[in-house]
C-alpha atoms as a PDB file:
ATOM      1  CA  UNK A   1     206.559 -65.376  19.069  1.00  0.00           C
ATOM      2  CA  UNK A   2     206.384 -61.321  19.800  1.00  0.00           C
ATOM      3  CA  UNK A   3     209.315 -59.758  18.162  1.00  0.00           C
ATOM      4  CA  UNK A   4     210.800 -56.116  19.093  1.00  0.00           C
ATOM      5  CA  UNK A   5     211.445 -54.204  15.998  1.00  0.00           C
ATOM      6  CA  UNK A   6     213.338 -51.736  17.676  1.00  0.00           C
ATOM      7  CA  UNK A   7     216.081 -53.952  19.737  1.00  0.00           C
ATOM      8  CA  UNK A   8     216.504 -55.411  15.751  1.00  0.00           C
ATOM      9  CA  UNK A   9     216.814 -52.098  14.350  1.00  0.00           C
ATOM     10  CA  UNK A  10     219.158 -51.462  16.789  1.00  0.00           C
ATOM     11  CA  UNK A  11     221.596 -53.960  16.711  1.00  0.00           C
ATOM     12  CA  UNK A  12     221.594 -53.586  12.783  1.00  0.00           C
ATOM     13  CA  UNK A  13     222.617 -50.434  13.327  1.00  0.00           C
ATOM     14  CA  UNK A  14     225.327 -51.965  15.410  1.00  0.00           C
ATOM     15  CA  UNK A  15     226.235 -54.424  13.209  1.00  0.00           C
ATOM     16  CA  UNK A  16     226.374 -51.634  10.438  1.00  0.00           C
ATOM     17  CA  UNK A  17     228.750 -49.319  12.657  1.00  0.00           C
ATOM     18  CA  UNK A  18     230.981 -52.233  11.802  1.00  0.00           C
ATOM     19  CA  UNK A  19     231.887 -51.557   8.437  1.00  0.00           C
ATOM     20  CA  UNK A  20     233.250 -48.054   8.814  1.00  0.00           C
ATOM     21  CA  UNK A  21     235.033 -49.167  11.744  1.00  0.00           C
ATOM     22  CA  UNK A  22     237.117 -51.695   9.953  1.00  0.00           C
ATOM     23  CA  UNK A  23     237.790 -49.792   6.915  1.00  0.00           C
ATOM     24  CA  UNK A  24     239.452 -46.929   9.289  1.00  0.00           C
ATOM     25  CA  UNK A  25     241.214 -49.561  11.301  1.00  0.00           C
ATOM     26  CA  UNK A  26     242.835 -50.926   7.668  1.00  0.00           C
ATOM     27  CA  UNK A  27     243.354 -46.934   6.752  1.00  0.00           C
ATOM     28  CA  UNK A  28     245.354 -46.682   9.820  1.00  0.00           C
ATOM     29  CA  UNK A  29     247.045 -49.858  10.567  1.00  0.00           C
ATOM     30  CA  UNK A  30     248.038 -50.740   6.996  1.00  0.00           C
ATOM     31  CA  UNK A  31     250.944 -49.066   4.767  1.00  0.00           C
ATOM     32  CA  UNK A  32     250.081 -47.342   1.787  1.00  0.00           C
ATOM     33  CA  UNK A  33     250.153 -48.894  -1.203  1.00  0.00           C
ATOM     34  CA  UNK A  34     253.513 -47.528  -2.113  1.00  0.00           C
ATOM     35  CA  UNK A  35     255.155 -48.654   0.781  1.00  0.00           C
ATOM     36  CA  UNK A  36     253.956 -51.818   0.388  1.00  0.00           C
ATOM     37  CA  UNK A  37     255.490 -52.191  -3.069  1.00  0.00           C
ATOM     38  CA  UNK A  38     258.561 -51.128  -2.269  1.00  0.00           C
ATOM     39  CA  UNK A  39     258.950 -53.235   1.012  1.00  0.00           C
ATOM     40  CA  UNK A  40     258.024 -56.606  -1.205  1.00  0.00           C
ATOM     41  CA  UNK A  41     254.932 -57.186   0.699  1.00  0.00           C
ATOM     42  CA  UNK A  42     251.898 -56.410  -1.971  1.00  0.00           C
ATOM     43  CA  UNK A  43     250.453 -59.683  -2.032  1.00  0.00           C
ATOM     44  CA  UNK A  44     249.999 -59.843   1.649  1.00  0.00           C
ATOM     45  CA  UNK A  45     248.507 -55.990   1.572  1.00  0.00           C
ATOM     46  CA  UNK A  46     246.330 -56.814  -1.190  1.00  0.00           C
ATOM     47  CA  UNK A  47     244.724 -59.938   0.697  1.00  0.00           C
ATOM     48  CA  UNK A  48     244.573 -57.978   3.921  1.00  0.00           C
ATOM     49  CA  UNK A  49     242.560 -55.166   2.175  1.00  0.00           C
ATOM     50  CA  UNK A  50     240.263 -58.059   0.548  1.00  0.00           C
ATOM     51  CA  UNK A  51     239.402 -59.324   4.018  1.00  0.00           C
ATOM     52  CA  UNK A  52     238.524 -55.591   5.238  1.00  0.00           C
ATOM     53  CA  UNK A  53     236.260 -55.101   2.893  1.00  0.00           C
ATOM     54  CA  UNK A  54     234.650 -58.606   2.719  1.00  0.00           C
ATOM     55  CA  UNK A  55     233.947 -57.694   6.263  1.00  0.00           C
ATOM     56  CA  UNK A  56     232.424 -54.491   5.811  1.00  0.00           C
ATOM     57  CA  UNK A  57     230.495 -56.593   3.347  1.00  0.00           C
ATOM     58  CA  UNK A  58     229.632 -58.796   5.244  1.00  0.00           C
ATOM     59  CA  UNK A  59     228.249 -56.228   7.985  1.00  0.00           C
ATOM     60  CA  UNK A  60     225.805 -54.818   5.898  1.00  0.00           C
ATOM     61  CA  UNK A  61     224.415 -57.902   4.633  1.00  0.00           C
ATOM     62  CA  UNK A  62     224.096 -58.955   8.096  1.00  0.00           C
ATOM     63  CA  UNK A  63     222.394 -55.678   9.001  1.00  0.00           C
ATOM     64  CA  UNK A  64     219.821 -56.081   6.156  1.00  0.00           C
ATOM     65  CA  UNK A  65     219.037 -59.665   7.639  1.00  0.00           C
ATOM     66  CA  UNK A  66     218.574 -58.564  10.923  1.00  0.00           C
ATOM     67  CA  UNK A  67     216.059 -55.564   9.855  1.00  0.00           C
ATOM     68  CA  UNK A  68     214.302 -57.834   7.517  1.00  0.00           C
ATOM     69  CA  UNK A  69     213.856 -60.279  10.698  1.00  0.00           C
ATOM     70  CA  UNK A  70     212.668 -57.676  12.514  1.00  0.00           C
ATOM     71  CA  UNK A  71     210.395 -56.037  10.801  1.00  0.00           C
ATOM     72  CA  UNK A  72     208.350 -59.256   9.085  1.00  0.00           C
ATOM     73  CA  UNK A  73     205.567 -60.543  10.758  1.00  0.00           C
ATOM     74  CA  UNK A  74     204.768 -64.207  12.029  1.00  0.00           C
ATOM     75  CA  UNK A  75     203.671 -66.499   9.708  1.00  0.00           C
ATOM     76  CA  UNK A  76     201.818 -68.542  12.683  1.00  0.00           C
ATOM     77  CA  UNK A  77     200.074 -65.362  14.510  1.00  0.00           C
END
């Protein structure tokens, strides 16, 4: 199978761009912690930030996987 590493690296960069975008959305759309605490919605606020950071972590891991897959040599050829 002929792999084009440029396609894999470009897709890894695109996926890696998802990490800061998800954190930026969280910073823009969610209220500050003090506001959430005063409103009594601290638990949902913390859970939402956990999901945002997990999305960023998964994006970094997936980008690493895409780079590793694109750069590896085929075992059969």
